[in-house]
Amino acid sequence: MTGLTRPIRFTLNGKTVDALIGPSETVLDVLQRCFNLYGARESCGQGLCGCCTVLIDGLAVSGCLYLAAFADGADVRTIEGLADAERLDPVQEAFIASSAFQCGFCTPGFVLMTRQLLAENPHPGDDDIKHYLAGNLCRCGAYPEILDAVRTLASRAGPG
């Protein structure tokens, strides 16, 4: 790394971590370079496709645009941090049960966006789901299966 660097500290998937970052490095750059986390991927490089989605303090952001300096002190969650040693996250389980993926390139972003959607609206209708996930693109065209996965998960959530 060349030029000016600075240290940051943040919580990554439940653990406090430190990283030395450059002024223009993104969260995606740091996740890959410092922590070997490749679930979030750069595809469009413009924050338009959702492949680079990570959760920062519970909110989905485009990791390819979000400067790492802004993650200092934040809680960062990636797709790698959803499952525990015993079982997958319910959103991951629903995506598998509905075959809501083909190549898997976009799946981490859809899973994280679905987690945020259901945290905000546990019982979304089809229009809500489509609107919320509109910023995530799937080149394989697995949209019907993705919609089914979110519908199924929302129906299991029960009232409230």
C-alpha atoms as a PDB file:
ATOM      1  CA  MET A   1       0.000   0.000   0.000  1.00  0.00           C
ATOM      2  CA  THR A   2       1.397   3.366  -0.976  1.00  0.00           C
ATOM      3  CA  GLY A   3       0.707   6.859   0.237  1.00  0.00           C
ATOM      4  CA  LEU A   4      -0.906   7.870   3.489  1.00  0.00           C
ATOM      5  CA  THR A   5      -2.411   5.165   5.641  1.00  0.00           C
ATOM      6  CA  ARG A   6      -4.335   5.190   8.884  1.00  0.00           C
ATOM      7  CA  PRO A   7      -5.561   2.557  11.298  1.00  0.00           C
ATOM      8  CA  ILE A   8      -9.226   1.788  11.821  1.00  0.00           C
ATOM      9  CA  ARG A   9     -10.949  -0.517  14.283  1.00  0.00           C
ATOM     10  CA  PHE A  10     -14.383  -1.993  13.796  1.00  0.00           C
ATOM     11  CA  THR A  11     -16.462  -5.040  14.623  1.00  0.00           C
ATOM     12  CA  LEU A  12     -16.407  -7.577  11.800  1.00  0.00           C
ATOM     13  CA  ASN A  13     -18.925 -10.394  12.047  1.00  0.00           C
ATOM     14  CA  GLY A  14     -18.951 -10.097  15.830  1.00  0.00           C
ATOM     15  CA  LYS A  15     -15.195  -9.702  16.429  1.00  0.00           C
ATOM     16  CA  THR A  16     -13.211  -6.508  16.964  1.00  0.00           C
ATOM     17  CA  VAL A  17     -10.598  -6.112  14.229  1.00  0.00           C
ATOM     18  CA  ASP A  18      -7.994  -3.578  13.149  1.00  0.00           C
ATOM     19  CA  ALA A  19      -6.907  -2.629   9.646  1.00  0.00           C
ATOM     20  CA  LEU A  20      -4.449  -0.208   8.111  1.00  0.00           C
ATOM     21  CA  ILE A  21      -6.216   1.563   5.250  1.00  0.00           C
ATOM     22  CA  GLY A  22      -5.423   3.952   2.449  1.00  0.00           C
ATOM     23  CA  PRO A  23      -7.496   7.124   1.920  1.00  0.00           C
ATOM     24  CA  SER A  24      -9.385   5.797  -1.102  1.00  0.00           C
ATOM     25  CA  GLU A  25      -9.874   2.193  -0.015  1.00  0.00           C
ATOM     26  CA  THR A  26     -13.402   0.912   0.154  1.00  0.00           C
ATOM     27  CA  VAL A  27     -14.878  -1.480   2.679  1.00  0.00           C
ATOM     28  CA  LEU A  28     -14.865  -4.121  -0.057  1.00  0.00           C
ATOM     29  CA  ASP A  29     -11.131  -3.578  -0.649  1.00  0.00           C
ATOM     30  CA  VAL A  30     -10.362  -3.950   3.058  1.00  0.00           C
ATOM     31  CA  LEU A  31     -12.570  -7.008   3.548  1.00  0.00           C
ATOM     32  CA  GLN A  32     -10.765  -8.778   0.748  1.00  0.00           C
ATOM     33  CA  ARG A  33      -7.197  -7.537   1.343  1.00  0.00           C
ATOM     34  CA  CYS A  34      -7.064  -7.730   5.125  1.00  0.00           C
ATOM     35  CA  PHE A  35      -9.561 -10.448   6.025  1.00  0.00           C
ATOM     36  CA  ASN A  36      -9.796 -12.714   2.948  1.00  0.00           C
ATOM     37  CA  LEU A  37     -13.576 -12.283   2.811  1.00  0.00           C
ATOM     38  CA  TYR A  38     -14.788 -12.627  -0.758  1.00  0.00           C
ATOM     39  CA  GLY A  39     -18.545 -13.160  -0.355  1.00  0.00           C
ATOM     40  CA  ALA A  40     -19.183  -9.540  -1.294  1.00  0.00           C
ATOM     41  CA  ARG A  41     -17.918  -9.067  -4.832  1.00  0.00           C
ATOM     42  CA  GLU A  42     -17.347  -6.119  -7.088  1.00  0.00           C
ATOM     43  CA  SER A  43     -19.319  -6.403 -10.288  1.00  0.00           C
ATOM     44  CA  CYS A  44     -20.411  -3.011 -11.594  1.00  0.00           C
ATOM     45  CA  GLY A  45     -18.104  -0.846  -9.454  1.00  0.00           C
ATOM     46  CA  GLN A  46     -20.844   1.798  -9.315  1.00  0.00           C
ATOM     47  CA  GLY A  47     -23.104   0.592  -6.501  1.00  0.00           C
ATOM     48  CA  LEU A  48     -25.859  -0.399  -8.926  1.00  0.00           C
ATOM     49  CA  CYS A  49     -25.917  -4.210  -8.860  1.00  0.00           C
ATOM     50  CA  GLY A  50     -25.899  -5.226  -5.178  1.00  0.00           C
ATOM     51  CA  CYS A  51     -23.136  -7.851  -5.492  1.00  0.00           C
ATOM     52  CA  CYS A  52     -20.909  -5.937  -3.058  1.00  0.00           C
ATOM     53  CA  THR A  53     -23.568  -5.510  -0.355  1.00  0.00           C
ATOM     54  CA  VAL A  54     -22.438  -5.555   3.274  1.00  0.00           C
ATOM     55  CA  LEU A  55     -24.285  -4.443   6.398  1.00  0.00           C
ATOM     56  CA  ILE A  56     -22.829  -1.470   8.262  1.00  0.00           C
ATOM     57  CA  ASP A  57     -24.531  -0.863  11.594  1.00  0.00           C
ATOM     58  CA  GLY A  58     -27.432  -2.954  10.282  1.00  0.00           C
ATOM     59  CA  LEU A  59     -27.900  -1.030   7.039  1.00  0.00           C
ATOM     60  CA  ALA A  60     -27.089  -2.456   3.623  1.00  0.00           C
ATOM     61  CA  VAL A  61     -24.443  -0.473   1.760  1.00  0.00           C
ATOM     62  CA  SER A  62     -22.566  -0.879  -1.495  1.00  0.00           C
ATOM     63  CA  GLY A  63     -19.171  -2.046  -0.300  1.00  0.00           C
ATOM     64  CA  CYS A  64     -17.548  -0.965  -3.569  1.00  0.00           C
ATOM     65  CA  LEU A  65     -18.422   2.675  -2.845  1.00  0.00           C
ATOM     66  CA  TYR A  66     -18.389   2.869   0.951  1.00  0.00           C
ATOM     67  CA  LEU A  67     -15.047   4.263   2.082  1.00  0.00           C
ATOM     68  CA  ALA A  68     -13.331   2.088   4.670  1.00  0.00           C
ATOM     69  CA  ALA A  69     -12.574   5.163   6.793  1.00  0.00           C
ATOM     70  CA  PHE A  70     -16.308   5.476   7.487  1.00  0.00           C
ATOM     71  CA  ALA A  71     -16.351   1.945   8.931  1.00  0.00           C
ATOM     72  CA  ASP A  72     -14.093   3.028  11.817  1.00  0.00           C
ATOM     73  CA  GLY A  73     -16.043   2.153  14.982  1.00  0.00           C
ATOM     74  CA  ALA A  74     -18.883   0.515  13.044  1.00  0.00           C
ATOM     75  CA  ASP A  75     -20.417  -2.936  13.169  1.00  0.00           C
ATOM     76  CA  VAL A  76     -19.750  -4.628   9.809  1.00  0.00           C
ATOM     77  CA  ARG A  77     -21.522  -7.857   8.867  1.00  0.00           C
ATOM     78  CA  THR A  78     -20.795  -9.853   5.740  1.00  0.00           C
ATOM     79  CA  ILE A  79     -22.398 -12.944   4.287  1.00  0.00           C
ATOM     80  CA  GLU A  80     -19.641 -14.965   5.955  1.00  0.00           C
ATOM     81  CA  GLY A  81     -20.858 -13.746   9.353  1.00  0.00           C
ATOM     82  CA  LEU A  82     -24.482 -14.840   9.081  1.00  0.00           C
ATOM     83  CA  ALA A  83     -24.230 -18.567   9.745  1.00  0.00           C
ATOM     84  CA  ASP A  84     -22.893 -19.971  12.961  1.00  0.00           C
ATOM     85  CA  ALA A  85     -21.062 -23.253  13.431  1.00  0.00           C
ATOM     86  CA  GLU A  86     -24.350 -25.110  13.910  1.00  0.00           C
ATOM     87  CA  ARG A  87     -26.669 -23.794  11.203  1.00  0.00           C
ATOM     88  CA  LEU A  88     -27.263 -21.338   8.419  1.00  0.00           C
ATOM     89  CA  ASP A  89     -29.109 -18.072   8.855  1.00  0.00           C
ATOM     90  CA  PRO A  90     -32.857 -18.485   8.136  1.00  0.00           C
ATOM     91  CA  VAL A  91     -32.533 -16.302   5.024  1.00  0.00           C
ATOM     92  CA  GLN A  92     -29.766 -18.556   3.700  1.00  0.00           C
ATOM     93  CA  GLU A  93     -31.926 -21.617   4.435  1.00  0.00           C
ATOM     94  CA  ALA A  94     -34.892 -20.091   2.603  1.00  0.00           C
ATOM     95  CA  PHE A  95     -32.766 -19.284  -0.450  1.00  0.00           C
ATOM     96  CA  ILE A  96     -31.516 -22.867  -0.576  1.00  0.00           C
ATOM     97  CA  ALA A  97     -35.000 -24.347  -0.078  1.00  0.00           C
ATOM     98  CA  SER A  98     -36.363 -22.199  -2.929  1.00  0.00           C
ATOM     99  CA  SER A  99     -33.335 -22.702  -5.226  1.00  0.00           C
ATOM    100  CA  ALA A 100     -33.055 -18.909  -5.277  1.00  0.00           C
ATOM    101  CA  PHE A 101     -29.663 -18.881  -6.940  1.00  0.00           C
ATOM    102  CA  GLN A 102     -27.911 -20.274  -9.953  1.00  0.00           C
ATOM    103  CA  CYS A 103     -24.310 -19.136 -10.247  1.00  0.00           C
ATOM    104  CA  GLY A 104     -24.362 -17.605  -6.737  1.00  0.00           C
ATOM    105  CA  PHE A 105     -22.486 -14.425  -7.669  1.00  0.00           C
ATOM    106  CA  CYS A 106     -25.347 -12.120  -6.618  1.00  0.00           C
ATOM    107  CA  THR A 107     -26.744 -14.319  -3.830  1.00  0.00           C
ATOM    108  CA  PRO A 108     -24.822 -12.784  -0.884  1.00  0.00           C
ATOM    109  CA  GLY A 109     -26.169  -9.329  -1.746  1.00  0.00           C
ATOM    110  CA  PHE A 110     -29.732 -10.608  -2.081  1.00  0.00           C
ATOM    111  CA  VAL A 111     -29.456 -12.459   1.244  1.00  0.00           C
ATOM    112  CA  LEU A 112     -28.194  -9.381   3.108  1.00  0.00           C
ATOM    113  CA  MET A 113     -30.806  -7.114   1.520  1.00  0.00           C
ATOM    114  CA  THR A 114     -33.502  -9.637   2.441  1.00  0.00           C
ATOM    115  CA  ARG A 115     -32.298  -9.600   6.061  1.00  0.00           C
ATOM    116  CA  GLN A 116     -32.579  -5.819   6.119  1.00  0.00           C
ATOM    117  CA  LEU A 117     -36.003  -5.898   4.429  1.00  0.00           C
ATOM    118  CA  LEU A 118     -37.423  -8.378   6.931  1.00  0.00           C
ATOM    119  CA  ALA A 119     -35.929  -6.428   9.851  1.00  0.00           C
ATOM    120  CA  GLU A 120     -37.809  -3.348   8.636  1.00  0.00           C
ATOM    121  CA  ASN A 121     -40.938  -5.098   7.367  1.00  0.00           C
ATOM    122  CA  PRO A 122     -41.449  -8.673   8.628  1.00  0.00           C
ATOM    123  CA  HIS A 123     -44.480  -9.207   6.384  1.00  0.00           C
ATOM    124  CA  PRO A 124     -43.750  -7.620   2.997  1.00  0.00           C
ATOM    125  CA  GLY A 125     -46.059  -8.095   0.039  1.00  0.00           C
ATOM    126  CA  ASP A 126     -44.757  -8.931  -3.425  1.00  0.00           C
ATOM    127  CA  ASP A 127     -44.596  -5.269  -4.429  1.00  0.00           C
ATOM    128  CA  ASP A 128     -42.640  -4.435  -1.263  1.00  0.00           C
ATOM    129  CA  ILE A 129     -40.164  -7.252  -1.942  1.00  0.00           C
ATOM    130  CA  LYS A 130     -39.693  -6.284  -5.590  1.00  0.00           C
ATOM    131  CA  HIS A 131     -39.221  -2.618  -4.704  1.00  0.00           C
ATOM    132  CA  TYR A 132     -36.764  -3.348  -1.896  1.00  0.00           C
ATOM    133  CA  LEU A 133     -34.655  -5.760  -3.934  1.00  0.00           C
ATOM    134  CA  ALA A 134     -34.747  -3.663  -7.130  1.00  0.00           C
ATOM    135  CA  GLY A 135     -31.148  -2.550  -6.568  1.00  0.00           C
ATOM    136  CA  ASN A 136     -29.882  -6.131  -6.743  1.00  0.00           C
ATOM    137  CA  LEU A 137     -29.317  -7.650 -10.154  1.00  0.00           C
ATOM    138  CA  CYS A 138     -29.227 -11.348 -11.050  1.00  0.00           C
ATOM    139  CA  ARG A 139     -27.821 -12.145 -14.473  1.00  0.00           C
ATOM    140  CA  CYS A 140     -29.097 -15.726 -14.261  1.00  0.00           C
ATOM    141  CA  GLY A 141     -32.693 -14.532 -13.874  1.00  0.00           C
ATOM    142  CA  ALA A 142     -33.518 -16.340 -10.615  1.00  0.00           C
ATOM    143  CA  TYR A 143     -35.996 -13.610  -9.644  1.00  0.00           C
ATOM    144  CA  PRO A 144     -39.070 -15.886  -9.284  1.00  0.00           C
ATOM    145  CA  GLU A 145     -37.160 -18.178  -6.930  1.00  0.00           C
ATOM    146  CA  ILE A 146     -35.778 -15.232  -4.961  1.00  0.00           C
ATOM    147  CA  LEU A 147     -39.283 -13.810  -4.577  1.00  0.00           C
ATOM    148  CA  ASP A 148     -40.490 -17.247  -3.432  1.00  0.00           C
ATOM    149  CA  ALA A 149     -37.690 -17.486  -0.848  1.00  0.00           C
ATOM    150  CA  VAL A 150     -38.532 -14.089   0.650  1.00  0.00           C
ATOM    151  CA  ARG A 151     -42.274 -14.850   0.601  1.00  0.00           C
ATOM    152  CA  THR A 152     -41.714 -18.180   2.340  1.00  0.00           C
ATOM    153  CA  LEU A 153     -39.484 -16.649   4.986  1.00  0.00           C
ATOM    154  CA  ALA A 154     -41.907 -13.778   5.614  1.00  0.00           C
ATOM    155  CA  SER A 155     -44.794 -16.220   6.058  1.00  0.00           C
ATOM    156  CA  ARG A 156     -42.809 -18.102   8.746  1.00  0.00           C
ATOM    157  CA  ALA A 157     -42.097 -14.941  10.701  1.00  0.00           C
ATOM    158  CA  GLY A 158     -45.574 -14.933  12.238  1.00  0.00           C
ATOM    159  CA  PRO A 159     -47.421 -11.822  13.429  1.00  0.00           C
ATOM    160  CA  GLY A 160     -45.580  -8.750  14.517  1.00  0.00           C
END
